[in-house]
Amino acid sequence: QVQLVESGGGLVQAGDSLSLSCAASGRSFSNYAMAWFRQAPGKEREFVAAIIPSGGTYYADSVKGRFTISRDNAKNTVYLQMNSLKPEDTAVYYCAARWGPLVTSTVHLYAYWGQGTQVTVSS
């Protein structure tokens, strides 16, 4: 069992930066693929970025070059550094985890989810 707690959301202006953190409880954090998803009002939850146990990273095209995902296995924490934020980045951001080395952007393949943190980008 893994419990995830996100933090770091807030209200920023377009062009600003924001960093999200996701603290995980439970053992063997290093064996989990970790991901960030987001959900805007009235829209489906969408993949943002993922990092697998080997350290490989993957991004949605909409955030590539602006967002960076990283992990600190000693702290059981995954991060999302968001730069050059745009109003369309406004959403609730969720941290997710799945056991194993493979990456996926499919929502239902992640077994564990945090409660979400709101990110609002004003124009």
PDB file of N, CA and C in Angstrom:
ATOM      1  N   GLN A   1       0.847  -1.192   0.000  1.00  0.00           N
ATOM      2  CA  GLN A   1       0.000   0.000   0.000  1.00  0.00           C
ATOM      3  C   GLN A   1       0.881   1.238   0.000  1.00  0.00           C
ATOM      4  N   VAL A   2       0.503   2.202  -0.808  1.00  0.00           N
ATOM      5  CA  VAL A   2       1.240   3.455  -0.910  1.00  0.00           C
ATOM      6  C   VAL A   2       0.265   4.601  -0.704  1.00  0.00           C
ATOM      7  N   GLN A   3       0.644   5.541   0.124  1.00  0.00           N
ATOM      8  CA  GLN A   3      -0.136   6.762   0.296  1.00  0.00           C
ATOM      9  C   GLN A   3       0.663   7.934  -0.245  1.00  0.00           C
ATOM     10  N   LEU A   4      -0.027   8.795  -0.976  1.00  0.00           N
ATOM     11  CA  LEU A   4       0.634   9.914  -1.642  1.00  0.00           C
ATOM     12  C   LEU A   4       0.017  11.226  -1.178  1.00  0.00           C
ATOM     13  N   VAL A   5       0.875  12.198  -0.890  1.00  0.00           N
ATOM     14  CA  VAL A   5       0.404  13.510  -0.449  1.00  0.00           C
ATOM     15  C   VAL A   5       1.124  14.587  -1.252  1.00  0.00           C
ATOM     16  N   GLU A   6       0.331  15.330  -2.034  1.00  0.00           N
ATOM     17  CA  GLU A   6       0.900  16.406  -2.846  1.00  0.00           C
ATOM     18  C   GLU A   6       0.940  17.718  -2.056  1.00  0.00           C
ATOM     19  N   SER A   7       1.852  18.575  -2.450  1.00  0.00           N
ATOM     20  CA  SER A   7       1.932  19.919  -1.891  1.00  0.00           C
ATOM     21  C   SER A   7       2.576  20.846  -2.906  1.00  0.00           C
ATOM     22  N   GLY A   8       2.413  22.155  -2.697  1.00  0.00           N
ATOM     23  CA  GLY A   8       3.098  23.131  -3.528  1.00  0.00           C
ATOM     24  C   GLY A   8       2.242  23.871  -4.519  1.00  0.00           C
ATOM     25  N   GLY A   9       0.954  23.546  -4.597  1.00  0.00           N
ATOM     26  CA  GLY A   9       0.098  24.259  -5.525  1.00  0.00           C
ATOM     27  C   GLY A   9      -0.134  25.692  -5.081  1.00  0.00           C
ATOM     28  N   GLY A  10      -0.752  26.470  -5.963  1.00  0.00           N
ATOM     29  CA  GLY A  10      -1.039  27.847  -5.613  1.00  0.00           C
ATOM     30  C   GLY A  10      -1.486  28.649  -6.808  1.00  0.00           C
ATOM     31  N   LEU A  11      -1.561  29.959  -6.599  1.00  0.00           N
ATOM     32  CA  LEU A  11      -1.967  30.905  -7.641  1.00  0.00           C
ATOM     33  C   LEU A  11      -0.743  31.679  -8.102  1.00  0.00           C
ATOM     34  N   VAL A  12      -0.470  31.631  -9.401  1.00  0.00           N
ATOM     35  CA  VAL A  12       0.664  32.342  -9.973  1.00  0.00           C
ATOM     36  C   VAL A  12       0.215  33.048 -11.248  1.00  0.00           C
ATOM     37  N   GLN A  13       1.102  33.889 -11.772  1.00  0.00           N
ATOM     38  CA  GLN A  13       0.816  34.585 -13.014  1.00  0.00           C
ATOM     39  C   GLN A  13       1.470  33.847 -14.177  1.00  0.00           C
ATOM     40  N   ALA A  14       0.950  34.083 -15.348  1.00  0.00           N
ATOM     41  CA  ALA A  14       1.526  33.484 -16.542  1.00  0.00           C
ATOM     42  C   ALA A  14       3.013  33.842 -16.642  1.00  0.00           C
ATOM     43  N   GLY A  15       3.812  32.837 -16.970  1.00  0.00           N
ATOM     44  CA  GLY A  15       5.247  33.019 -17.063  1.00  0.00           C
ATOM     45  C   GLY A  15       6.005  32.684 -15.794  1.00  0.00           C
ATOM     46  N   ASP A  16       5.275  32.556 -14.693  1.00  0.00           N
ATOM     47  CA  ASP A  16       5.912  32.218 -13.418  1.00  0.00           C
ATOM     48  C   ASP A  16       6.256  30.731 -13.351  1.00  0.00           C
ATOM     49  N   SER A  17       6.942  30.389 -12.257  1.00  0.00           N
ATOM     50  CA  SER A  17       7.306  28.994 -12.000  1.00  0.00           C
ATOM     51  C   SER A  17       6.666  28.524 -10.705  1.00  0.00           C
ATOM     52  N   LEU A  18       6.505  27.210 -10.594  1.00  0.00           N
ATOM     53  CA  LEU A  18       5.932  26.599  -9.402  1.00  0.00           C
ATOM     54  C   LEU A  18       6.488  25.187  -9.292  1.00  0.00           C
ATOM     55  N   SER A  19       6.713  24.756  -8.066  1.00  0.00           N
ATOM     56  CA  SER A  19       7.233  23.410  -7.863  1.00  0.00           C
ATOM     57  C   SER A  19       6.270  22.616  -6.996  1.00  0.00           C
ATOM     58  N   LEU A  20       5.896  21.451  -7.470  1.00  0.00           N
ATOM     59  CA  LEU A  20       5.030  20.535  -6.723  1.00  0.00           C
ATOM     60  C   LEU A  20       5.858  19.396  -6.143  1.00  0.00           C
ATOM     61  N   SER A  21       5.424  18.923  -4.980  1.00  0.00           N
ATOM     62  CA  SER A  21       6.059  17.768  -4.354  1.00  0.00           C
ATOM     63  C   SER A  21       5.004  16.717  -4.056  1.00  0.00           C
ATOM     64  N   CYS A  22       5.434  15.476  -4.047  1.00  0.00           N
ATOM     65  CA  CYS A  22       4.553  14.364  -3.707  1.00  0.00           C
ATOM     66  C   CYS A  22       5.326  13.421  -2.787  1.00  0.00           C
ATOM     67  N   ALA A  23       4.913  13.375  -1.532  1.00  0.00           N
ATOM     68  CA  ALA A  23       5.570  12.515  -0.554  1.00  0.00           C
ATOM     69  C   ALA A  23       4.831  11.181  -0.479  1.00  0.00           C
ATOM     70  N   ALA A  24       5.580  10.101  -0.569  1.00  0.00           N
ATOM     71  CA  ALA A  24       4.998   8.762  -0.558  1.00  0.00           C
ATOM     72  C   ALA A  24       5.340   8.026   0.729  1.00  0.00           C
ATOM     73  N   SER A  25       4.369   7.323   1.248  1.00  0.00           N
ATOM     74  CA  SER A  25       4.615   6.454   2.394  1.00  0.00           C
ATOM     75  C   SER A  25       4.650   5.014   1.908  1.00  0.00           C
ATOM     76  N   GLY A  26       5.191   4.139   2.716  1.00  0.00           N
ATOM     77  CA  GLY A  26       5.284   2.753   2.295  1.00  0.00           C
ATOM     78  C   GLY A  26       6.698   2.400   1.880  1.00  0.00           C
ATOM     79  N   ARG A  27       6.913   1.122   1.681  1.00  0.00           N
ATOM     80  CA  ARG A  27       8.251   0.650   1.351  1.00  0.00           C
ATOM     81  C   ARG A  27       8.459   0.544  -0.157  1.00  0.00           C
ATOM     82  N   SER A  28       9.691   0.408  -0.535  1.00  0.00           N
ATOM     83  CA  SER A  28      10.076   0.120  -1.921  1.00  0.00           C
ATOM     84  C   SER A  28       9.648   1.221  -2.886  1.00  0.00           C
ATOM     85  N   PHE A  29       9.702   2.460  -2.435  1.00  0.00           N
ATOM     86  CA  PHE A  29       9.336   3.593  -3.305  1.00  0.00           C
ATOM     87  C   PHE A  29      10.133   3.551  -4.598  1.00  0.00           C
ATOM     88  N   SER A  30      11.393   3.163  -4.518  1.00  0.00           N
ATOM     89  CA  SER A  30      12.260   3.190  -5.701  1.00  0.00           C
ATOM     90  C   SER A  30      11.800   2.225  -6.783  1.00  0.00           C
ATOM     91  N   ASN A  31      10.925   1.282  -6.450  1.00  0.00           N
ATOM     92  CA  ASN A  31      10.437   0.305  -7.413  1.00  0.00           C
ATOM     93  C   ASN A  31       9.136   0.725  -8.109  1.00  0.00           C
ATOM     94  N   TYR A  32       8.683   1.929  -7.791  1.00  0.00           N
ATOM     95  CA  TYR A  32       7.440   2.417  -8.380  1.00  0.00           C
ATOM     96  C   TYR A  32       7.714   3.414  -9.500  1.00  0.00           C
ATOM     97  N   ALA A  33       6.928   3.286 -10.554  1.00  0.00           N
ATOM     98  CA  ALA A  33       6.860   4.354 -11.545  1.00  0.00           C
ATOM     99  C   ALA A  33       5.940   5.430 -10.974  1.00  0.00           C
ATOM    100  N   MET A  34       6.391   6.675 -11.045  1.00  0.00           N
ATOM    101  CA  MET A  34       5.638   7.790 -10.496  1.00  0.00           C
ATOM    102  C   MET A  34       5.218   8.738 -11.616  1.00  0.00           C
ATOM    103  N   ALA A  35       4.071   9.344 -11.458  1.00  0.00           N
ATOM    104  CA  ALA A  35       3.579  10.222 -12.516  1.00  0.00           C
ATOM    105  C   ALA A  35       2.789  11.386 -11.934  1.00  0.00           C
ATOM    106  N   TRP A  36       2.671  12.408 -12.737  1.00  0.00           N
ATOM    107  CA  TRP A  36       1.787  13.536 -12.453  1.00  0.00           C
ATOM    108  C   TRP A  36       0.727  13.578 -13.549  1.00  0.00           C
ATOM    109  N   PHE A  37      -0.508  13.756 -13.106  1.00  0.00           N
ATOM    110  CA  PHE A  37      -1.632  13.978 -13.996  1.00  0.00           C
ATOM    111  C   PHE A  37      -2.279  15.300 -13.585  1.00  0.00           C
ATOM    112  N   ARG A  38      -3.157  15.797 -14.429  1.00  0.00           N
ATOM    113  CA  ARG A  38      -3.898  17.003 -14.074  1.00  0.00           C
ATOM    114  C   ARG A  38      -5.311  16.921 -14.638  1.00  0.00           C
ATOM    115  N   GLN A  39      -6.196  17.646 -13.980  1.00  0.00           N
ATOM    116  CA  GLN A  39      -7.587  17.666 -14.419  1.00  0.00           C
ATOM    117  C   GLN A  39      -8.139  19.065 -14.270  1.00  0.00           C
ATOM    118  N   ALA A  40      -8.520  19.633 -15.399  1.00  0.00           N
ATOM    119  CA  ALA A  40      -9.142  20.953 -15.414  1.00  0.00           C
ATOM    120  C   ALA A  40     -10.653  20.787 -15.311  1.00  0.00           C
ATOM    121  N   PRO A  41     -11.366  21.819 -14.866  1.00  0.00           N
ATOM    122  CA  PRO A  41     -12.829  21.720 -14.735  1.00  0.00           C
ATOM    123  C   PRO A  41     -13.481  21.318 -16.049  1.00  0.00           C
ATOM    124  N   GLY A  42     -14.331  20.311 -15.995  1.00  0.00           N
ATOM    125  CA  GLY A  42     -15.059  19.877 -17.171  1.00  0.00           C
ATOM    126  C   GLY A  42     -14.263  19.037 -18.149  1.00  0.00           C
ATOM    127  N   LYS A  43     -13.032  18.722 -17.789  1.00  0.00           N
ATOM    128  CA  LYS A  43     -12.189  17.930 -18.688  1.00  0.00           C
ATOM    129  C   LYS A  43     -11.764  16.627 -18.024  1.00  0.00           C
ATOM    130  N   GLU A  44     -11.302  15.690 -18.843  1.00  0.00           N
ATOM    131  CA  GLU A  44     -10.820  14.429 -18.319  1.00  0.00           C
ATOM    132  C   GLU A  44      -9.416  14.609 -17.719  1.00  0.00           C
ATOM    133  N   ARG A  45      -9.090  13.707 -16.827  1.00  0.00           N
ATOM    134  CA  ARG A  45      -7.751  13.712 -16.251  1.00  0.00           C
ATOM    135  C   ARG A  45      -6.740  13.362 -17.347  1.00  0.00           C
ATOM    136  N   GLU A  46      -5.652  14.126 -17.415  1.00  0.00           N
ATOM    137  CA  GLU A  46      -4.672  13.908 -18.469  1.00  0.00           C
ATOM    138  C   GLU A  46      -3.269  13.746 -17.911  1.00  0.00           C
ATOM    139  N   PHE A  47      -2.482  12.982 -18.634  1.00  0.00           N
ATOM    140  CA  PHE A  47      -1.095  12.709 -18.276  1.00  0.00           C
ATOM    141  C   PHE A  47      -0.252  13.965 -18.448  1.00  0.00           C
ATOM    142  N   VAL A  48       0.641  14.191 -17.497  1.00  0.00           N
ATOM    143  CA  VAL A  48       1.562  15.317 -17.568  1.00  0.00           C
ATOM    144  C   VAL A  48       3.010  14.825 -17.728  1.00  0.00           C
ATOM    145  N   ALA A  49       3.455  13.974 -16.796  1.00  0.00           N
ATOM    146  CA  ALA A  49       4.838  13.512 -16.813  1.00  0.00           C
ATOM    147  C   ALA A  49       4.962  12.259 -15.967  1.00  0.00           C
ATOM    148  N   ALA A  50       5.995  11.476 -16.254  1.00  0.00           N
ATOM    149  CA  ALA A  50       6.258  10.261 -15.481  1.00  0.00           C
ATOM    150  C   ALA A  50       7.752  10.040 -15.357  1.00  0.00           C
ATOM    151  N   ILE A  51       8.121   9.347 -14.284  1.00  0.00           N
ATOM    152  CA  ILE A  51       9.505   8.952 -14.079  1.00  0.00           C
ATOM    153  C   ILE A  51       9.507   7.522 -13.571  1.00  0.00           C
ATOM    154  N   ILE A  52      10.276   6.678 -14.226  1.00  0.00           N
ATOM    155  CA  ILE A  52      10.299   5.257 -13.887  1.00  0.00           C
ATOM    156  C   ILE A  52      11.456   4.955 -12.937  1.00  0.00           C
ATOM    157  N   PRO A  53      11.488   3.758 -12.350  1.00  0.00           N
ATOM    158  CA  PRO A  53      12.543   3.454 -11.378  1.00  0.00           C
ATOM    159  C   PRO A  53      13.965   3.669 -11.903  1.00  0.00           C
ATOM    160  N   SER A  54      14.197   3.455 -13.173  1.00  0.00           N
ATOM    161  CA  SER A  54      15.536   3.633 -13.733  1.00  0.00           C
ATOM    162  C   SER A  54      15.918   5.097 -13.860  1.00  0.00           C
ATOM    163  N   GLY A  55      14.943   5.987 -13.689  1.00  0.00           N
ATOM    164  CA  GLY A  55      15.197   7.419 -13.820  1.00  0.00           C
ATOM    165  C   GLY A  55      14.750   8.013 -15.143  1.00  0.00           C
ATOM    166  N   GLY A  56      14.308   7.161 -16.068  1.00  0.00           N
ATOM    167  CA  GLY A  56      13.814   7.659 -17.332  1.00  0.00           C
ATOM    168  C   GLY A  56      12.587   8.537 -17.142  1.00  0.00           C
ATOM    169  N   THR A  57      12.498   9.604 -17.932  1.00  0.00           N
ATOM    170  CA  THR A  57      11.393  10.541 -17.796  1.00  0.00           C
ATOM    171  C   THR A  57      10.624  10.670 -19.108  1.00  0.00           C
ATOM    172  N   TYR A  58       9.347  10.982 -18.972  1.00  0.00           N
ATOM    173  CA  TYR A  58       8.452  11.083 -20.114  1.00  0.00           C
ATOM    174  C   TYR A  58       7.482  12.240 -19.870  1.00  0.00           C
ATOM    175  N   TYR A  59       7.164  12.960 -20.948  1.00  0.00           N
ATOM    176  CA  TYR A  59       6.337  14.153 -20.813  1.00  0.00           C
ATOM    177  C   TYR A  59       5.241  14.209 -21.877  1.00  0.00           C
ATOM    178  N   ALA A  60       4.143  14.832 -21.507  1.00  0.00           N
ATOM    179  CA  ALA A  60       3.134  15.173 -22.495  1.00  0.00           C
ATOM    180  C   ALA A  60       3.708  16.273 -23.382  1.00  0.00           C
ATOM    181  N   ASP A  61       3.295  16.278 -24.630  1.00  0.00           N
ATOM    182  CA  ASP A  61       3.810  17.275 -25.561  1.00  0.00           C
ATOM    183  C   ASP A  61       3.519  18.701 -25.085  1.00  0.00           C
ATOM    184  N   SER A  62       2.396  18.871 -24.404  1.00  0.00           N
ATOM    185  CA  SER A  62       1.975  20.204 -23.990  1.00  0.00           C
ATOM    186  C   SER A  62       2.880  20.807 -22.918  1.00  0.00           C
ATOM    187  N   VAL A  63       3.675  19.980 -22.231  1.00  0.00           N
ATOM    188  CA  VAL A  63       4.534  20.504 -21.163  1.00  0.00           C
ATOM    189  C   VAL A  63       6.013  20.274 -21.441  1.00  0.00           C
ATOM    190  N   LYS A  64       6.327  19.578 -22.508  1.00  0.00           N
ATOM    191  CA  LYS A  64       7.722  19.269 -22.805  1.00  0.00           C
ATOM    192  C   LYS A  64       8.527  20.549 -22.959  1.00  0.00           C
ATOM    193  N   GLY A  65       9.679  20.592 -22.302  1.00  0.00           N
ATOM    194  CA  GLY A  65      10.521  21.777 -22.350  1.00  0.00           C
ATOM    195  C   GLY A  65      10.202  22.813 -21.290  1.00  0.00           C
ATOM    196  N   ARG A  66       9.055  22.664 -20.624  1.00  0.00           N
ATOM    197  CA  ARG A  66       8.671  23.614 -19.576  1.00  0.00           C
ATOM    198  C   ARG A  66       8.635  22.948 -18.195  1.00  0.00           C
ATOM    199  N   PHE A  67       8.233  21.695 -18.146  1.00  0.00           N
ATOM    200  CA  PHE A  67       8.109  20.966 -16.877  1.00  0.00           C
ATOM    201  C   PHE A  67       9.228  19.939 -16.767  1.00  0.00           C
ATOM    202  N   THR A  68       9.648  19.696 -15.519  1.00  0.00           N
ATOM    203  CA  THR A  68      10.658  18.684 -15.245  1.00  0.00           C
ATOM    204  C   THR A  68      10.217  17.833 -14.065  1.00  0.00           C
ATOM    205  N   ILE A  69      10.177  16.528 -14.274  1.00  0.00           N
ATOM    206  CA  ILE A  69       9.857  15.604 -13.194  1.00  0.00           C
ATOM    207  C   ILE A  69      11.150  15.001 -12.660  1.00  0.00           C
ATOM    208  N   SER A  70      11.216  14.820 -11.357  1.00  0.00           N
ATOM    209  CA  SER A  70      12.384  14.203 -10.744  1.00  0.00           C
ATOM    210  C   SER A  70      11.951  13.451  -9.495  1.00  0.00           C
ATOM    211  N   ARG A  71      12.848  12.648  -8.969  1.00  0.00           N
ATOM    212  CA  ARG A  71      12.521  11.883  -7.767  1.00  0.00           C
ATOM    213  C   ARG A  71      13.741  11.809  -6.864  1.00  0.00           C
ATOM    214  N   ASP A  72      13.474  11.724  -5.574  1.00  0.00           N
ATOM    215  CA  ASP A  72      14.510  11.512  -4.578  1.00  0.00           C
ATOM    216  C   ASP A  72      14.102  10.270  -3.794  1.00  0.00           C
ATOM    217  N   ASN A  73      14.688   9.144  -4.126  1.00  0.00           N
ATOM    218  CA  ASN A  73      14.282   7.890  -3.503  1.00  0.00           C
ATOM    219  C   ASN A  73      14.621   7.844  -2.010  1.00  0.00           C
ATOM    220  N   ALA A  74      15.624   8.582  -1.597  1.00  0.00           N
ATOM    221  CA  ALA A  74      15.985   8.613  -0.176  1.00  0.00           C
ATOM    222  C   ALA A  74      14.913   9.323   0.644  1.00  0.00           C
ATOM    223  N   LYS A  75      14.192  10.227  -0.005  1.00  0.00           N
ATOM    224  CA  LYS A  75      13.137  10.987   0.676  1.00  0.00           C
ATOM    225  C   LYS A  75      11.742  10.505   0.302  1.00  0.00           C
ATOM    226  N   ASN A  76      11.659   9.462  -0.522  1.00  0.00           N
ATOM    227  CA  ASN A  76      10.355   8.960  -0.977  1.00  0.00           C
ATOM    228  C   ASN A  76       9.498  10.076  -1.559  1.00  0.00           C
ATOM    229  N   THR A  77      10.115  10.897  -2.393  1.00  0.00           N
ATOM    230  CA  THR A  77       9.424  12.078  -2.907  1.00  0.00           C
ATOM    231  C   THR A  77       9.657  12.230  -4.408  1.00  0.00           C
ATOM    232  N   VAL A  78       8.610  12.640  -5.094  1.00  0.00           N
ATOM    233  CA  VAL A  78       8.707  12.975  -6.509  1.00  0.00           C
ATOM    234  C   VAL A  78       8.314  14.444  -6.656  1.00  0.00           C
ATOM    235  N   TYR A  79       8.954  15.103  -7.591  1.00  0.00           N
ATOM    236  CA  TYR A  79       8.771  16.542  -7.779  1.00  0.00           C
ATOM    237  C   TYR A  79       8.320  16.847  -9.209  1.00  0.00           C
ATOM    238  N   LEU A  80       7.665  17.988  -9.352  1.00  0.00           N
ATOM    239  CA  LEU A  80       7.337  18.503 -10.675  1.00  0.00           C
ATOM    240  C   LEU A  80       7.668  19.990 -10.680  1.00  0.00           C
ATOM    241  N   GLN A  81       8.737  20.341 -11.384  1.00  0.00           N
ATOM    242  CA  GLN A  81       9.114  21.735 -11.543  1.00  0.00           C
ATOM    243  C   GLN A  81       8.422  22.264 -12.793  1.00  0.00           C
ATOM    244  N   MET A  82       7.637  23.310 -12.610  1.00  0.00           N
ATOM    245  CA  MET A  82       6.853  23.859 -13.712  1.00  0.00           C
ATOM    246  C   MET A  82       7.326  25.284 -13.990  1.00  0.00           C
ATOM    247  N   ASN A  83       7.840  25.505 -15.180  1.00  0.00           N
ATOM    248  CA  ASN A  83       8.319  26.825 -15.591  1.00  0.00           C
ATOM    249  C   ASN A  83       7.460  27.354 -16.734  1.00  0.00           C
ATOM    250  N   SER A  84       7.551  28.648 -16.948  1.00  0.00           N
ATOM    251  CA  SER A  84       6.818  29.294 -18.049  1.00  0.00           C
ATOM    252  C   SER A  84       5.351  28.878 -18.053  1.00  0.00           C
ATOM    253  N   LEU A  85       4.738  28.977 -16.910  1.00  0.00           N
ATOM    254  CA  LEU A  85       3.355  28.520 -16.774  1.00  0.00           C
ATOM    255  C   LEU A  85       2.408  29.353 -17.624  1.00  0.00           C
ATOM    256  N   LYS A  86       1.376  28.670 -18.123  1.00  0.00           N
ATOM    257  CA  LYS A  86       0.368  29.286 -18.971  1.00  0.00           C
ATOM    258  C   LYS A  86      -1.002  29.129 -18.322  1.00  0.00           C
ATOM    259  N   PRO A  87      -1.944  29.981 -18.659  1.00  0.00           N
ATOM    260  CA  PRO A  87      -3.295  29.835 -18.094  1.00  0.00           C
ATOM    261  C   PRO A  87      -3.882  28.449 -18.355  1.00  0.00           C
ATOM    262  N   GLU A  88      -3.546  27.852 -19.486  1.00  0.00           N
ATOM    263  CA  GLU A  88      -4.075  26.515 -19.795  1.00  0.00           C
ATOM    264  C   GLU A  88      -3.465  25.416 -18.933  1.00  0.00           C
ATOM    265  N   ASP A  89      -2.474  25.745 -18.118  1.00  0.00           N
ATOM    266  CA  ASP A  89      -1.931  24.781 -17.157  1.00  0.00           C
ATOM    267  C   ASP A  89      -2.782  24.721 -15.879  1.00  0.00           C
ATOM    268  N   THR A  90      -3.754  25.592 -15.769  1.00  0.00           N
ATOM    269  CA  THR A  90      -4.619  25.607 -14.594  1.00  0.00           C
ATOM    270  C   THR A  90      -5.386  24.293 -14.470  1.00  0.00           C
ATOM    271  N   ALA A  91      -5.246  23.656 -13.315  1.00  0.00           N
ATOM    272  CA  ALA A  91      -5.887  22.351 -13.083  1.00  0.00           C
ATOM    273  C   ALA A  91      -5.571  21.898 -11.666  1.00  0.00           C
ATOM    274  N   VAL A  92      -6.245  20.835 -11.260  1.00  0.00           N
ATOM    275  CA  VAL A  92      -5.835  20.104 -10.070  1.00  0.00           C
ATOM    276  C   VAL A  92      -4.788  19.091 -10.515  1.00  0.00           C
ATOM    277  N   TYR A  93      -3.648  19.107  -9.864  1.00  0.00           N
ATOM    278  CA  TYR A  93      -2.550  18.210 -10.208  1.00  0.00           C
ATOM    279  C   TYR A  93      -2.510  17.048  -9.229  1.00  0.00           C
ATOM    280  N   TYR A  94      -2.441  15.839  -9.789  1.00  0.00           N
ATOM    281  CA  TYR A  94      -2.445  14.622  -8.997  1.00  0.00           C
ATOM    282  C   TYR A  94      -1.146  13.852  -9.176  1.00  0.00           C
ATOM    283  N   CYS A  95      -0.658  13.320  -8.080  1.00  0.00           N
ATOM    284  CA  CYS A  95       0.474  12.408  -8.101  1.00  0.00           C
ATOM    285  C   CYS A  95      -0.077  10.985  -8.149  1.00  0.00           C
ATOM    286  N   ALA A  96       0.589  10.114  -8.894  1.00  0.00           N
ATOM    287  CA  ALA A  96       0.130   8.736  -9.015  1.00  0.00           C
ATOM    288  C   ALA A  96       1.316   7.781  -9.011  1.00  0.00           C
ATOM    289  N   ALA A  97       1.063   6.552  -8.585  1.00  0.00           N
ATOM    290  CA  ALA A  97       2.123   5.545  -8.513  1.00  0.00           C
ATOM    291  C   ALA A  97       1.629   4.203  -9.022  1.00  0.00           C
ATOM    292  N   ARG A  98       2.541   3.478  -9.675  1.00  0.00           N
ATOM    293  CA  ARG A  98       2.250   2.100 -10.072  1.00  0.00           C
ATOM    294  C   ARG A  98       3.514   1.282  -9.907  1.00  0.00           C
ATOM    295  N   TRP A  99       3.335   0.048  -9.497  1.00  0.00           N
ATOM    296  CA  TRP A  99       4.478  -0.829  -9.259  1.00  0.00           C
ATOM    297  C   TRP A  99       5.105  -1.247 -10.586  1.00  0.00           C
ATOM    298  N   GLY A 100       6.425  -1.211 -10.647  1.00  0.00           N
ATOM    299  CA  GLY A 100       7.104  -1.772 -11.804  1.00  0.00           C
ATOM    300  C   GLY A 100       7.882  -0.756 -12.604  1.00  0.00           C
ATOM    301  N   PRO A 101       8.639  -1.253 -13.585  1.00  0.00           N
ATOM    302  CA  PRO A 101       9.600  -0.417 -14.318  1.00  0.00           C
ATOM    303  C   PRO A 101       9.056   0.275 -15.563  1.00  0.00           C
ATOM    304  N   LEU A 102       7.808   0.003 -15.911  1.00  0.00           N
ATOM    305  CA  LEU A 102       7.310   0.481 -17.195  1.00  0.00           C
ATOM    306  C   LEU A 102       6.560   1.800 -17.050  1.00  0.00           C
ATOM    307  N   VAL A 103       6.626   2.588 -18.090  1.00  0.00           N
ATOM    308  CA  VAL A 103       5.924   3.863 -18.087  1.00  0.00           C
ATOM    309  C   VAL A 103       4.612   3.726 -18.842  1.00  0.00           C
ATOM    310  N   THR A 104       3.610   4.438 -18.381  1.00  0.00           N
ATOM    311  CA  THR A 104       2.342   4.507 -19.077  1.00  0.00           C
ATOM    312  C   THR A 104       1.694   5.837 -18.776  1.00  0.00           C
ATOM    313  N   SER A 105       0.912   6.317 -19.730  1.00  0.00           N
ATOM    314  CA  SER A 105       0.170   7.564 -19.530  1.00  0.00           C
ATOM    315  C   SER A 105      -1.314   7.278 -19.281  1.00  0.00           C
ATOM    316  N   THR A 106      -1.651   6.006 -19.099  1.00  0.00           N
ATOM    317  CA  THR A 106      -3.039   5.600 -18.936  1.00  0.00           C
ATOM    318  C   THR A 106      -3.464   5.722 -17.488  1.00  0.00           C
ATOM    319  N   VAL A 107      -4.512   6.484 -17.261  1.00  0.00           N
ATOM    320  CA  VAL A 107      -4.953   6.786 -15.890  1.00  0.00           C
ATOM    321  C   VAL A 107      -5.228   5.525 -15.080  1.00  0.00           C
ATOM    322  N   HIS A 108      -5.990   4.588 -15.646  1.00  0.00           N
ATOM    323  CA  HIS A 108      -6.461   3.464 -14.842  1.00  0.00           C
ATOM    324  C   HIS A 108      -5.377   2.437 -14.546  1.00  0.00           C
ATOM    325  N   LEU A 109      -4.207   2.603 -15.108  1.00  0.00           N
ATOM    326  CA  LEU A 109      -3.107   1.683 -14.818  1.00  0.00           C
ATOM    327  C   LEU A 109      -2.292   2.111 -13.597  1.00  0.00           C
ATOM    328  N   TYR A 110      -2.637   3.237 -13.022  1.00  0.00           N
ATOM    329  CA  TYR A 110      -1.987   3.684 -11.788  1.00  0.00           C
ATOM    330  C   TYR A 110      -2.887   3.318 -10.608  1.00  0.00           C
ATOM    331  N   ALA A 111      -2.322   2.583  -9.662  1.00  0.00           N
ATOM    332  CA  ALA A 111      -3.128   2.046  -8.565  1.00  0.00           C
ATOM    333  C   ALA A 111      -3.285   3.026  -7.401  1.00  0.00           C
ATOM    334  N   TYR A 112      -2.345   3.928  -7.270  1.00  0.00           N
ATOM    335  CA  TYR A 112      -2.334   4.807  -6.101  1.00  0.00           C
ATOM    336  C   TYR A 112      -2.353   6.264  -6.537  1.00  0.00           C
ATOM    337  N   TRP A 113      -3.156   7.046  -5.806  1.00  0.00           N
ATOM    338  CA  TRP A 113      -3.353   8.448  -6.156  1.00  0.00           C
ATOM    339  C   TRP A 113      -3.330   9.323  -4.911  1.00  0.00           C
ATOM    340  N   GLY A 114      -2.818  10.535  -5.085  1.00  0.00           N
ATOM    341  CA  GLY A 114      -2.921  11.526  -4.035  1.00  0.00           C
ATOM    342  C   GLY A 114      -4.255  12.254  -4.139  1.00  0.00           C
ATOM    343  N   GLN A 115      -4.445  13.201  -3.229  1.00  0.00           N
ATOM    344  CA  GLN A 115      -5.714  13.924  -3.166  1.00  0.00           C
ATOM    345  C   GLN A 115      -5.758  15.104  -4.122  1.00  0.00           C
ATOM    346  N   GLY A 116      -4.616  15.487  -4.664  1.00  0.00           N
ATOM    347  CA  GLY A 116      -4.557  16.576  -5.631  1.00  0.00           C
ATOM    348  C   GLY A 116      -4.209  17.908  -5.006  1.00  0.00           C
ATOM    349  N   THR A 117      -3.615  18.778  -5.801  1.00  0.00           N
ATOM    350  CA  THR A 117      -3.292  20.128  -5.359  1.00  0.00           C
ATOM    351  C   THR A 117      -3.621  21.098  -6.498  1.00  0.00           C
ATOM    352  N   GLN A 118      -4.256  22.201  -6.163  1.00  0.00           N
ATOM    353  CA  GLN A 118      -4.737  23.138  -7.174  1.00  0.00           C
ATOM    354  C   GLN A 118      -3.605  24.042  -7.654  1.00  0.00           C
ATOM    355  N   VAL A 119      -3.503  24.152  -8.966  1.00  0.00           N
ATOM    356  CA  VAL A 119      -2.596  25.114  -9.597  1.00  0.00           C
ATOM    357  C   VAL A 119      -3.440  26.034 -10.461  1.00  0.00           C
ATOM    358  N   THR A 120      -3.346  27.325 -10.197  1.00  0.00           N
ATOM    359  CA  THR A 120      -4.098  28.311 -10.957  1.00  0.00           C
ATOM    360  C   THR A 120      -3.122  29.325 -11.538  1.00  0.00           C
ATOM    361  N   VAL A 121      -3.192  29.498 -12.861  1.00  0.00           N
ATOM    362  CA  VAL A 121      -2.307  30.424 -13.554  1.00  0.00           C
ATOM    363  C   VAL A 121      -3.167  31.534 -14.148  1.00  0.00           C
ATOM    364  N   SER A 122      -2.942  32.745 -13.690  1.00  0.00           N
ATOM    365  CA  SER A 122      -3.716  33.877 -14.196  1.00  0.00           C
ATOM    366  C   SER A 122      -2.990  34.534 -15.365  1.00  0.00           C
ATOM    367  N   SER A 123      -3.779  35.100 -16.258  1.00  0.00           N
ATOM    368  CA  SER A 123      -3.199  35.728 -17.467  1.00  0.00           C
ATOM    369  C   SER A 123      -2.857  37.185 -17.215  1.00  0.00           C
TER     370      SER A 123
END
